[in-house]
């Protein structure tokens, strides 16, 4: 699976990532997706599940997020409330430079 993006002139611009993240959720049946830049700042996120917010997912998915921000793709299983979610985190690369990480929760 690959996620191809056409980056805007301003790297990390929210408009660059909103549509691909939404498409990713729809195509894979995910509940939450986000792009986080390599500084650890949330750039953009989208959710189809009211229980997964910008507050609950990053808090629970920290180990997976940190690995992706260090350049290592990974998967994990997290528990939120009474439900288990698969988390897939992959480094975001522009050419060979790490620009952040993409995180999908389903």
PDB file of N, CA and C in Angstrom:
ATOM      1  N   UNK A   1       0.845  -1.167   0.000  1.00  0.00           N
ATOM      2  CA  UNK A   1       0.000   0.000   0.000  1.00  0.00           C
ATOM      3  C   UNK A   1       0.887   1.226   0.000  1.00  0.00           C
ATOM      4  N   UNK A   2       0.544   2.199  -0.803  1.00  0.00           N
ATOM      5  CA  UNK A   2       1.282   3.454  -0.788  1.00  0.00           C
ATOM      6  C   UNK A   2       0.295   4.613  -0.782  1.00  0.00           C
ATOM      7  N   UNK A   3       0.744   5.703  -0.249  1.00  0.00           N
ATOM      8  CA  UNK A   3      -0.052   6.912  -0.187  1.00  0.00           C
ATOM      9  C   UNK A   3       0.730   7.973  -0.922  1.00  0.00           C
ATOM     10  N   UNK A   4       0.264   8.352  -2.100  1.00  0.00           N
ATOM     11  CA  UNK A   4       0.952   9.355  -2.895  1.00  0.00           C
ATOM     12  C   UNK A   4       0.313  10.707  -2.678  1.00  0.00           C
ATOM     13  N   UNK A   5       1.135  11.691  -2.383  1.00  0.00           N
ATOM     14  CA  UNK A   5       0.643  13.042  -2.139  1.00  0.00           C
ATOM     15  C   UNK A   5       1.345  14.026  -3.056  1.00  0.00           C
ATOM     16  N   UNK A   6       0.617  14.994  -3.495  1.00  0.00           N
ATOM     17  CA  UNK A   6       1.225  16.124  -4.177  1.00  0.00           C
ATOM     18  C   UNK A   6       1.367  17.204  -3.116  1.00  0.00           C
ATOM     19  N   UNK A   7       2.601  17.456  -2.719  1.00  0.00           N
ATOM     20  CA  UNK A   7       2.831  18.397  -1.638  1.00  0.00           C
ATOM     21  C   UNK A   7       2.674  19.829  -2.109  1.00  0.00           C
ATOM     22  N   UNK A   8       2.089  20.632  -1.263  1.00  0.00           N
ATOM     23  CA  UNK A   8       1.933  22.040  -1.573  1.00  0.00           C
ATOM     24  C   UNK A   8       3.281  22.731  -1.401  1.00  0.00           C
ATOM     25  N   UNK A   9       3.414  23.950  -1.901  1.00  0.00           N
ATOM     26  CA  UNK A   9       4.679  24.666  -1.722  1.00  0.00           C
ATOM     27  C   UNK A   9       5.047  24.827  -0.246  1.00  0.00           C
ATOM     28  N   UNK A  10       4.057  24.934   0.618  1.00  0.00           N
ATOM     29  CA  UNK A  10       4.314  25.047   2.053  1.00  0.00           C
ATOM     30  C   UNK A  10       4.167  23.657   2.661  1.00  0.00           C
ATOM     31  N   UNK A  11       5.290  22.983   2.913  1.00  0.00           N
ATOM     32  CA  UNK A  11       5.285  21.628   3.436  1.00  0.00           C
ATOM     33  C   UNK A  11       4.514  21.564   4.746  1.00  0.00           C
ATOM     34  N   UNK A  12       3.622  20.608   4.834  1.00  0.00           N
ATOM     35  CA  UNK A  12       2.834  20.454   6.040  1.00  0.00           C
ATOM     36  C   UNK A  12       1.550  21.248   6.027  1.00  0.00           C
ATOM     37  N   UNK A  13       1.249  21.898   4.927  1.00  0.00           N
ATOM     38  CA  UNK A  13       0.009  22.648   4.802  1.00  0.00           C
ATOM     39  C   UNK A  13      -1.164  21.692   4.946  1.00  0.00           C
ATOM     40  N   UNK A  14      -2.119  22.063   5.793  1.00  0.00           N
ATOM     41  CA  UNK A  14      -3.254  21.181   6.082  1.00  0.00           C
ATOM     42  C   UNK A  14      -4.025  20.793   4.824  1.00  0.00           C
ATOM     43  N   UNK A  15      -4.151  21.687   3.878  1.00  0.00           N
ATOM     44  CA  UNK A  15      -4.899  21.381   2.658  1.00  0.00           C
ATOM     45  C   UNK A  15      -4.226  20.280   1.843  1.00  0.00           C
ATOM     46  N   UNK A  16      -2.921  20.118   1.991  1.00  0.00           N
ATOM     47  CA  UNK A  16      -2.188  19.075   1.274  1.00  0.00           C
ATOM     48  C   UNK A  16      -2.612  17.684   1.736  1.00  0.00           C
ATOM     49  N   UNK A  17      -2.919  17.533   3.010  1.00  0.00           N
ATOM     50  CA  UNK A  17      -3.129  16.222   3.596  1.00  0.00           C
ATOM     51  C   UNK A  17      -4.581  15.857   3.865  1.00  0.00           C
ATOM     52  N   UNK A  18      -5.481  16.806   3.967  1.00  0.00           N
ATOM     53  CA  UNK A  18      -6.867  16.523   4.362  1.00  0.00           C
ATOM     54  C   UNK A  18      -7.548  15.539   3.407  1.00  0.00           C
ATOM     55  N   UNK A  19      -7.531  15.794   2.121  1.00  0.00           N
ATOM     56  CA  UNK A  19      -8.205  14.916   1.153  1.00  0.00           C
ATOM     57  C   UNK A  19      -7.598  13.512   1.117  1.00  0.00           C
ATOM     58  N   UNK A  20      -6.248  13.364   1.058  1.00  0.00           N
ATOM     59  CA  UNK A  20      -5.691  12.000   1.054  1.00  0.00           C
ATOM     60  C   UNK A  20      -5.992  11.233   2.336  1.00  0.00           C
ATOM     61  N   UNK A  21      -6.006  11.897   3.467  1.00  0.00           N
ATOM     62  CA  UNK A  21      -6.329  11.203   4.717  1.00  0.00           C
ATOM     63  C   UNK A  21      -7.777  10.732   4.720  1.00  0.00           C
ATOM     64  N   UNK A  22      -8.670  11.569   4.227  1.00  0.00           N
ATOM     65  CA  UNK A  22     -10.080  11.197   4.148  1.00  0.00           C
ATOM     66  C   UNK A  22     -10.269  10.029   3.190  1.00  0.00           C
ATOM     67  N   UNK A  23      -9.589  10.070   2.044  1.00  0.00           N
ATOM     68  CA  UNK A  23      -9.654   8.962   1.081  1.00  0.00           C
ATOM     69  C   UNK A  23      -9.098   7.672   1.685  1.00  0.00           C
ATOM     70  N   UNK A  24      -8.032   7.792   2.458  1.00  0.00           N
ATOM     71  CA  UNK A  24      -7.438   6.627   3.096  1.00  0.00           C
ATOM     72  C   UNK A  24      -8.428   5.978   4.056  1.00  0.00           C
ATOM     73  N   UNK A  25      -9.108   6.775   4.856  1.00  0.00           N
ATOM     74  CA  UNK A  25     -10.110   6.238   5.777  1.00  0.00           C
ATOM     75  C   UNK A  25     -11.229   5.539   5.030  1.00  0.00           C
ATOM     76  N   UNK A  26     -11.703   6.156   3.959  1.00  0.00           N
ATOM     77  CA  UNK A  26     -12.798   5.575   3.192  1.00  0.00           C
ATOM     78  C   UNK A  26     -12.382   4.287   2.502  1.00  0.00           C
ATOM     79  N   UNK A  27     -11.185   4.245   1.921  1.00  0.00           N
ATOM     80  CA  UNK A  27     -10.768   3.066   1.170  1.00  0.00           C
ATOM     81  C   UNK A  27     -10.393   1.894   2.075  1.00  0.00           C
ATOM     82  N   UNK A  28      -9.855   2.161   3.254  1.00  0.00           N
ATOM     83  CA  UNK A  28      -9.435   1.086   4.145  1.00  0.00           C
ATOM     84  C   UNK A  28     -10.410   0.821   5.282  1.00  0.00           C
ATOM     85  N   UNK A  29     -11.448   1.627   5.364  1.00  0.00           N
ATOM     86  CA  UNK A  29     -12.416   1.445   6.439  1.00  0.00           C
ATOM     87  C   UNK A  29     -11.883   1.865   7.791  1.00  0.00           C
ATOM     88  N   UNK A  30     -10.960   2.813   7.811  1.00  0.00           N
ATOM     89  CA  UNK A  30     -10.388   3.264   9.068  1.00  0.00           C
ATOM     90  C   UNK A  30     -11.321   4.179   9.841  1.00  0.00           C
ATOM     91  N   UNK A  31     -10.960   4.402  11.102  1.00  0.00           N
ATOM     92  CA  UNK A  31     -11.736   5.280  11.962  1.00  0.00           C
ATOM     93  C   UNK A  31     -11.048   6.617  12.210  1.00  0.00           C
ATOM     94  N   UNK A  32      -9.721   6.647  12.118  1.00  0.00           N
ATOM     95  CA  UNK A  32      -8.969   7.854  12.434  1.00  0.00           C
ATOM     96  C   UNK A  32      -7.674   7.847  11.643  1.00  0.00           C
ATOM     97  N   UNK A  33      -7.282   8.983  11.113  1.00  0.00           N
ATOM     98  CA  UNK A  33      -5.999   9.108  10.431  1.00  0.00           C
ATOM     99  C   UNK A  33      -5.421  10.472  10.742  1.00  0.00           C
ATOM    100  N   UNK A  34      -4.098  10.528  10.797  1.00  0.00           N
ATOM    101  CA  UNK A  34      -3.451  11.811  11.022  1.00  0.00           C
ATOM    102  C   UNK A  34      -2.083  11.829  10.371  1.00  0.00           C
ATOM    103  N   UNK A  35      -1.621  13.027  10.078  1.00  0.00           N
ATOM    104  CA  UNK A  35      -0.234  13.255   9.695  1.00  0.00           C
ATOM    105  C   UNK A  35       0.358  14.125  10.785  1.00  0.00           C
ATOM    106  N   UNK A  36       1.502  13.727  11.293  1.00  0.00           N
ATOM    107  CA  UNK A  36       2.210  14.502  12.315  1.00  0.00           C
ATOM    108  C   UNK A  36       3.601  14.809  11.784  1.00  0.00           C
ATOM    109  N   UNK A  37       4.010  16.075  11.848  1.00  0.00           N
ATOM    110  CA  UNK A  37       5.339  16.413  11.341  1.00  0.00           C
ATOM    111  C   UNK A  37       6.414  15.875  12.285  1.00  0.00           C
ATOM    112  N   UNK A  38       7.681  15.928  11.822  1.00  0.00           N
ATOM    113  CA  UNK A  38       8.749  15.295  12.596  1.00  0.00           C
ATOM    114  C   UNK A  38       9.038  15.987  13.918  1.00  0.00           C
ATOM    115  N   UNK A  39       8.467  17.175  14.141  1.00  0.00           N
ATOM    116  CA  UNK A  39       8.605  17.847  15.433  1.00  0.00           C
ATOM    117  C   UNK A  39       7.584  17.322  16.440  1.00  0.00           C
ATOM    118  N   UNK A  40       6.629  16.513  15.964  1.00  0.00           N
ATOM    119  CA  UNK A  40       5.602  15.979  16.840  1.00  0.00           C
ATOM    120  C   UNK A  40       4.379  16.870  16.949  1.00  0.00           C
ATOM    121  N   UNK A  41       4.229  17.794  16.024  1.00  0.00           N
ATOM    122  CA  UNK A  41       3.079  18.688  16.018  1.00  0.00           C
ATOM    123  C   UNK A  41       2.015  18.111  15.090  1.00  0.00           C
ATOM    124  N   UNK A  42       0.777  17.985  15.560  1.00  0.00           N
ATOM    125  CA  UNK A  42      -0.290  17.508  14.680  1.00  0.00           C
ATOM    126  C   UNK A  42      -0.484  18.516  13.564  1.00  0.00           C
ATOM    127  N   UNK A  43      -0.402  18.042  12.354  1.00  0.00           N
ATOM    128  CA  UNK A  43      -0.618  18.904  11.204  1.00  0.00           C
ATOM    129  C   UNK A  43      -2.071  18.813  10.754  1.00  0.00           C
ATOM    130  N   UNK A  44      -2.557  17.596  10.560  1.00  0.00           N
ATOM    131  CA  UNK A  44      -3.942  17.427  10.124  1.00  0.00           C
ATOM    132  C   UNK A  44      -4.422  16.056  10.571  1.00  0.00           C
ATOM    133  N   UNK A  45      -5.704  15.961  10.863  1.00  0.00           N
ATOM    134  CA  UNK A  45      -6.297  14.695  11.281  1.00  0.00           C
ATOM    135  C   UNK A  45      -7.739  14.645  10.819  1.00  0.00           C
ATOM    136  N   UNK A  46      -8.228  13.442  10.692  1.00  0.00           N
ATOM    137  CA  UNK A  46      -9.624  13.245  10.342  1.00  0.00           C
ATOM    138  C   UNK A  46     -10.119  11.988  11.056  1.00  0.00           C
ATOM    139  N   UNK A  47     -11.374  11.995  11.449  1.00  0.00           N
ATOM    140  CA  UNK A  47     -11.915  10.874  12.204  1.00  0.00           C
ATOM    141  C   UNK A  47     -13.328  10.566  11.736  1.00  0.00           C
ATOM    142  N   UNK A  48     -13.666   9.277  11.720  1.00  0.00           N
ATOM    143  CA  UNK A  48     -15.032   8.851  11.409  1.00  0.00           C
ATOM    144  C   UNK A  48     -15.676   8.230  12.641  1.00  0.00           C
ATOM    145  N   UNK A  49     -15.016   8.303  13.761  1.00  0.00           N
ATOM    146  CA  UNK A  49     -15.512   7.686  14.992  1.00  0.00           C
ATOM    147  C   UNK A  49     -15.435   8.715  16.116  1.00  0.00           C
ATOM    148  N   UNK A  50     -16.550   9.020  16.755  1.00  0.00           N
ATOM    149  CA  UNK A  50     -16.544  10.065  17.782  1.00  0.00           C
ATOM    150  C   UNK A  50     -15.643   9.761  18.976  1.00  0.00           C
ATOM    151  N   UNK A  51     -15.315   8.494  19.210  1.00  0.00           N
ATOM    152  CA  UNK A  51     -14.455   8.145  20.332  1.00  0.00           C
ATOM    153  C   UNK A  51     -12.977   8.362  20.073  1.00  0.00           C
ATOM    154  N   UNK A  52     -12.615   8.565  18.812  1.00  0.00           N
ATOM    155  CA  UNK A  52     -11.219   8.799  18.456  1.00  0.00           C
ATOM    156  C   UNK A  52     -11.049  10.271  18.109  1.00  0.00           C
ATOM    157  N   UNK A  53     -10.429  10.987  18.987  1.00  0.00           N
ATOM    158  CA  UNK A  53     -10.223  12.420  18.768  1.00  0.00           C
ATOM    159  C   UNK A  53      -8.742  12.719  18.773  1.00  0.00           C
ATOM    160  N   UNK A  54      -8.417  13.964  18.489  1.00  0.00           N
ATOM    161  CA  UNK A  54      -7.021  14.380  18.514  1.00  0.00           C
ATOM    162  C   UNK A  54      -6.420  14.260  19.914  1.00  0.00           C
ATOM    163  N   UNK A  55      -7.255  14.121  20.927  1.00  0.00           N
ATOM    164  CA  UNK A  55      -6.745  13.966  22.289  1.00  0.00           C
ATOM    165  C   UNK A  55      -6.546  12.505  22.660  1.00  0.00           C
ATOM    166  N   UNK A  56      -7.500  11.635  22.317  1.00  0.00           N
ATOM    167  CA  UNK A  56      -7.417  10.246  22.753  1.00  0.00           C
ATOM    168  C   UNK A  56      -6.447   9.414  21.932  1.00  0.00           C
ATOM    169  N   UNK A  57      -6.414   9.595  20.614  1.00  0.00           N
ATOM    170  CA  UNK A  57      -5.535   8.751  19.808  1.00  0.00           C
ATOM    171  C   UNK A  57      -4.055   9.024  20.065  1.00  0.00           C
ATOM    172  N   UNK A  58      -3.584  10.274  19.966  1.00  0.00           N
ATOM    173  CA  UNK A  58      -2.151  10.477  20.202  1.00  0.00           C
ATOM    174  C   UNK A  58      -1.706  10.002  21.580  1.00  0.00           C
ATOM    175  N   UNK A  59      -2.550  10.163  22.579  1.00  0.00           N
ATOM    176  CA  UNK A  59      -2.194   9.732  23.929  1.00  0.00           C
ATOM    177  C   UNK A  59      -2.018   8.214  23.979  1.00  0.00           C
ATOM    178  N   UNK A  60      -2.915   7.479  23.372  1.00  0.00           N
ATOM    179  CA  UNK A  60      -2.878   6.015  23.408  1.00  0.00           C
ATOM    180  C   UNK A  60      -1.887   5.442  22.404  1.00  0.00           C
ATOM    181  N   UNK A  61      -1.717   6.100  21.266  1.00  0.00           N
ATOM    182  CA  UNK A  61      -0.863   5.574  20.203  1.00  0.00           C
ATOM    183  C   UNK A  61       0.570   6.061  20.237  1.00  0.00           C
ATOM    184  N   UNK A  62       1.020   6.625  21.357  1.00  0.00           N
ATOM    185  CA  UNK A  62       2.355   7.218  21.446  1.00  0.00           C
ATOM    186  C   UNK A  62       3.481   6.285  21.002  1.00  0.00           C
ATOM    187  N   UNK A  63       3.551   5.038  21.458  1.00  0.00           N
ATOM    188  CA  UNK A  63       4.675   4.195  21.025  1.00  0.00           C
ATOM    189  C   UNK A  63       4.749   4.024  19.505  1.00  0.00           C
ATOM    190  N   UNK A  64       3.612   3.804  18.872  1.00  0.00           N
ATOM    191  CA  UNK A  64       3.582   3.636  17.423  1.00  0.00           C
ATOM    192  C   UNK A  64       3.971   4.930  16.710  1.00  0.00           C
ATOM    193  N   UNK A  65       3.447   6.045  17.192  1.00  0.00           N
ATOM    194  CA  UNK A  65       3.754   7.354  16.600  1.00  0.00           C
ATOM    195  C   UNK A  65       5.244   7.654  16.713  1.00  0.00           C
ATOM    196  N   UNK A  66       5.832   7.424  17.893  1.00  0.00           N
ATOM    197  CA  UNK A  66       7.248   7.718  18.098  1.00  0.00           C
ATOM    198  C   UNK A  66       8.133   6.903  17.162  1.00  0.00           C
ATOM    199  N   UNK A  67       7.802   5.636  16.961  1.00  0.00           N
ATOM    200  CA  UNK A  67       8.602   4.800  16.058  1.00  0.00           C
ATOM    201  C   UNK A  67       8.561   5.346  14.633  1.00  0.00           C
ATOM    202  N   UNK A  68       7.377   5.738  14.173  1.00  0.00           N
ATOM    203  CA  UNK A  68       7.258   6.283  12.810  1.00  0.00           C
ATOM    204  C   UNK A  68       8.032   7.588  12.675  1.00  0.00           C
ATOM    205  N   UNK A  69       8.012   8.416  13.712  1.00  0.00           N
ATOM    206  CA  UNK A  69       8.736   9.687  13.671  1.00  0.00           C
ATOM    207  C   UNK A  69      10.246   9.481  13.751  1.00  0.00           C
ATOM    208  N   UNK A  70      10.673   8.266  14.100  1.00  0.00           N
ATOM    209  CA  UNK A  70      12.089   7.910  14.083  1.00  0.00           C
ATOM    210  C   UNK A  70      12.454   7.184  12.787  1.00  0.00           C
ATOM    211  N   UNK A  71      11.475   7.056  11.878  1.00  0.00           N
ATOM    212  CA  UNK A  71      11.737   6.453  10.580  1.00  0.00           C
ATOM    213  C   UNK A  71      11.400   4.982  10.458  1.00  0.00           C
ATOM    214  N   UNK A  72      10.691   4.413  11.446  1.00  0.00           N
ATOM    215  CA  UNK A  72      10.386   2.981  11.442  1.00  0.00           C
ATOM    216  C   UNK A  72       8.879   2.744  11.336  1.00  0.00           C
ATOM    217  N   UNK A  73       8.455   2.163  10.214  1.00  0.00           N
ATOM    218  CA  UNK A  73       7.059   1.784  10.072  1.00  0.00           C
ATOM    219  C   UNK A  73       6.725   0.665  11.044  1.00  0.00           C
ATOM    220  N   UNK A  74       5.496   0.646  11.536  1.00  0.00           N
ATOM    221  CA  UNK A  74       5.137  -0.356  12.529  1.00  0.00           C
ATOM    222  C   UNK A  74       3.627  -0.466  12.639  1.00  0.00           C
ATOM    223  N   UNK A  75       3.201  -1.462  13.366  1.00  0.00           N
ATOM    224  CA  UNK A  75       1.783  -1.617  13.682  1.00  0.00           C
ATOM    225  C   UNK A  75       1.663  -1.944  15.165  1.00  0.00           C
ATOM    226  N   UNK A  76       0.504  -1.674  15.709  1.00  0.00           N
ATOM    227  CA  UNK A  76       0.283  -1.892  17.126  1.00  0.00           C
ATOM    228  C   UNK A  76      -1.200  -2.146  17.348  1.00  0.00           C
ATOM    229  N   UNK A  77      -1.528  -2.565  18.524  1.00  0.00           N
ATOM    230  CA  UNK A  77      -2.911  -2.775  18.930  1.00  0.00           C
ATOM    231  C   UNK A  77      -3.127  -1.928  20.172  1.00  0.00           C
ATOM    232  N   UNK A  78      -4.156  -1.060  20.123  1.00  0.00           N
ATOM    233  CA  UNK A  78      -4.429  -0.202  21.270  1.00  0.00           C
ATOM    234  C   UNK A  78      -5.861  -0.410  21.748  1.00  0.00           C
ATOM    235  N   UNK A  79      -6.095  -0.072  22.986  1.00  0.00           N
ATOM    236  CA  UNK A  79      -7.436  -0.183  23.559  1.00  0.00           C
ATOM    237  C   UNK A  79      -7.918   1.205  23.934  1.00  0.00           C
ATOM    238  N   UNK A  80      -9.084   1.540  23.437  1.00  0.00           N
ATOM    239  CA  UNK A  80      -9.766   2.777  23.810  1.00  0.00           C
ATOM    240  C   UNK A  80     -11.148   2.393  24.300  1.00  0.00           C
ATOM    241  N   UNK A  81     -11.437   2.781  25.516  1.00  0.00           N
ATOM    242  CA  UNK A  81     -12.696   2.390  26.142  1.00  0.00           C
ATOM    243  C   UNK A  81     -12.794   0.869  26.118  1.00  0.00           C
ATOM    244  N   UNK A  82     -13.826   0.311  25.506  1.00  0.00           N
ATOM    245  CA  UNK A  82     -13.985  -1.143  25.469  1.00  0.00           C
ATOM    246  C   UNK A  82     -13.735  -1.726  24.089  1.00  0.00           C
ATOM    247  N   UNK A  83     -12.936  -1.053  23.280  1.00  0.00           N
ATOM    248  CA  UNK A  83     -12.717  -1.502  21.909  1.00  0.00           C
ATOM    249  C   UNK A  83     -11.226  -1.553  21.591  1.00  0.00           C
ATOM    250  N   UNK A  84     -10.830  -2.552  20.789  1.00  0.00           N
ATOM    251  CA  UNK A  84      -9.454  -2.672  20.318  1.00  0.00           C
ATOM    252  C   UNK A  84      -9.343  -2.089  18.913  1.00  0.00           C
ATOM    253  N   UNK A  85      -8.239  -1.416  18.640  1.00  0.00           N
ATOM    254  CA  UNK A  85      -7.981  -0.814  17.335  1.00  0.00           C
ATOM    255  C   UNK A  85      -6.596  -1.219  16.849  1.00  0.00           C
ATOM    256  N   UNK A  86      -6.505  -1.513  15.553  1.00  0.00           N
ATOM    257  CA  UNK A  86      -5.207  -1.683  14.912  1.00  0.00           C
ATOM    258  C   UNK A  86      -4.689  -0.302  14.553  1.00  0.00           C
ATOM    259  N   UNK A  87      -3.412  -0.076  14.826  1.00  0.00           N
ATOM    260  CA  UNK A  87      -2.772   1.188  14.473  1.00  0.00           C
ATOM    261  C   UNK A  87      -1.620   0.874  13.537  1.00  0.00           C
ATOM    262  N   UNK A  88      -1.580   1.555  12.410  1.00  0.00           N
ATOM    263  CA  UNK A  88      -0.484   1.422  11.462  1.00  0.00           C
ATOM    264  C   UNK A  88       0.153   2.795  11.349  1.00  0.00           C
ATOM    265  N   UNK A  89       1.449   2.857  11.596  1.00  0.00           N
ATOM    266  CA  UNK A  89       2.177   4.127  11.520  1.00  0.00           C
ATOM    267  C   UNK A  89       3.351   3.955  10.572  1.00  0.00           C
ATOM    268  N   UNK A  90       3.468   4.869   9.630  1.00  0.00           N
ATOM    269  CA  UNK A  90       4.558   4.811   8.658  1.00  0.00           C
ATOM    270  C   UNK A  90       5.238   6.175   8.570  1.00  0.00           C
ATOM    271  N   UNK A  91       6.549   6.154   8.350  1.00  0.00           N
ATOM    272  CA  UNK A  91       7.247   7.421   8.192  1.00  0.00           C
ATOM    273  C   UNK A  91       6.797   8.119   6.912  1.00  0.00           C
ATOM    274  N   UNK A  92       6.712   9.417   6.963  1.00  0.00           N
ATOM    275  CA  UNK A  92       6.415  10.219   5.777  1.00  0.00           C
ATOM    276  C   UNK A  92       7.717  10.753   5.215  1.00  0.00           C
ATOM    277  N   UNK A  93       8.035  10.352   4.009  1.00  0.00           N
ATOM    278  CA  UNK A  93       9.288  10.763   3.384  1.00  0.00           C
ATOM    279  C   UNK A  93       9.025  11.646   2.175  1.00  0.00           C
ATOM    280  N   UNK A  94       9.848  12.651   2.026  1.00  0.00           N
ATOM    281  CA  UNK A  94       9.855  13.488   0.827  1.00  0.00           C
ATOM    282  C   UNK A  94      11.258  13.325   0.254  1.00  0.00           C
ATOM    283  N   UNK A  95      11.330  12.613  -0.847  1.00  0.00           N
ATOM    284  CA  UNK A  95      12.601  12.103  -1.367  1.00  0.00           C
ATOM    285  C   UNK A  95      13.185  11.212  -0.287  1.00  0.00           C
ATOM    286  N   UNK A  96      14.303  11.536   0.293  1.00  0.00           N
ATOM    287  CA  UNK A  96      14.848  10.687   1.364  1.00  0.00           C
ATOM    288  C   UNK A  96      14.789  11.377   2.726  1.00  0.00           C
ATOM    289  N   UNK A  97      14.112  12.522   2.787  1.00  0.00           N
ATOM    290  CA  UNK A  97      14.023  13.271   4.041  1.00  0.00           C
ATOM    291  C   UNK A  97      12.758  12.906   4.811  1.00  0.00           C
ATOM    292  N   UNK A  98      12.909  12.614   6.091  1.00  0.00           N
ATOM    293  CA  UNK A  98      11.778  12.329   6.961  1.00  0.00           C
ATOM    294  C   UNK A  98      11.075  13.649   7.257  1.00  0.00           C
ATOM    295  N   UNK A  99       9.786  13.717   6.882  1.00  0.00           N
ATOM    296  CA  UNK A  99       9.020  14.931   7.132  1.00  0.00           C
ATOM    297  C   UNK A  99       7.971  14.737   8.230  1.00  0.00           C
ATOM    298  N   UNK A 100       7.753  13.471   8.621  1.00  0.00           N
ATOM    299  CA  UNK A 100       6.758  13.206   9.662  1.00  0.00           C
ATOM    300  C   UNK A 100       6.283  11.780   9.586  1.00  0.00           C
ATOM    301  N   UNK A 101       5.065  11.557  10.079  1.00  0.00           N
ATOM    302  CA  UNK A 101       4.515  10.222  10.074  1.00  0.00           C
ATOM    303  C   UNK A 101       3.022  10.223   9.783  1.00  0.00           C
ATOM    304  N   UNK A 102       2.581   9.183   9.098  1.00  0.00           N
ATOM    305  CA  UNK A 102       1.157   8.968   8.834  1.00  0.00           C
ATOM    306  C   UNK A 102       0.692   7.860   9.763  1.00  0.00           C
ATOM    307  N   UNK A 103      -0.479   8.061  10.355  1.00  0.00           N
ATOM    308  CA  UNK A 103      -0.994   7.122  11.330  1.00  0.00           C
ATOM    309  C   UNK A 103      -2.448   6.814  11.006  1.00  0.00           C
ATOM    310  N   UNK A 104      -2.768   5.535  10.917  1.00  0.00           N
ATOM    311  CA  UNK A 104      -4.122   5.082  10.622  1.00  0.00           C
ATOM    312  C   UNK A 104      -4.583   4.178  11.745  1.00  0.00           C
ATOM    313  N   UNK A 105      -5.782   4.400  12.208  1.00  0.00           N
ATOM    314  CA  UNK A 105      -6.351   3.588  13.279  1.00  0.00           C
ATOM    315  C   UNK A 105      -7.671   3.016  12.774  1.00  0.00           C
ATOM    316  N   UNK A 106      -7.801   1.680  12.884  1.00  0.00           N
ATOM    317  CA  UNK A 106      -9.067   1.057  12.467  1.00  0.00           C
ATOM    318  C   UNK A 106      -9.370  -0.155  13.298  1.00  0.00           C
TER     319      UNK A 106
END
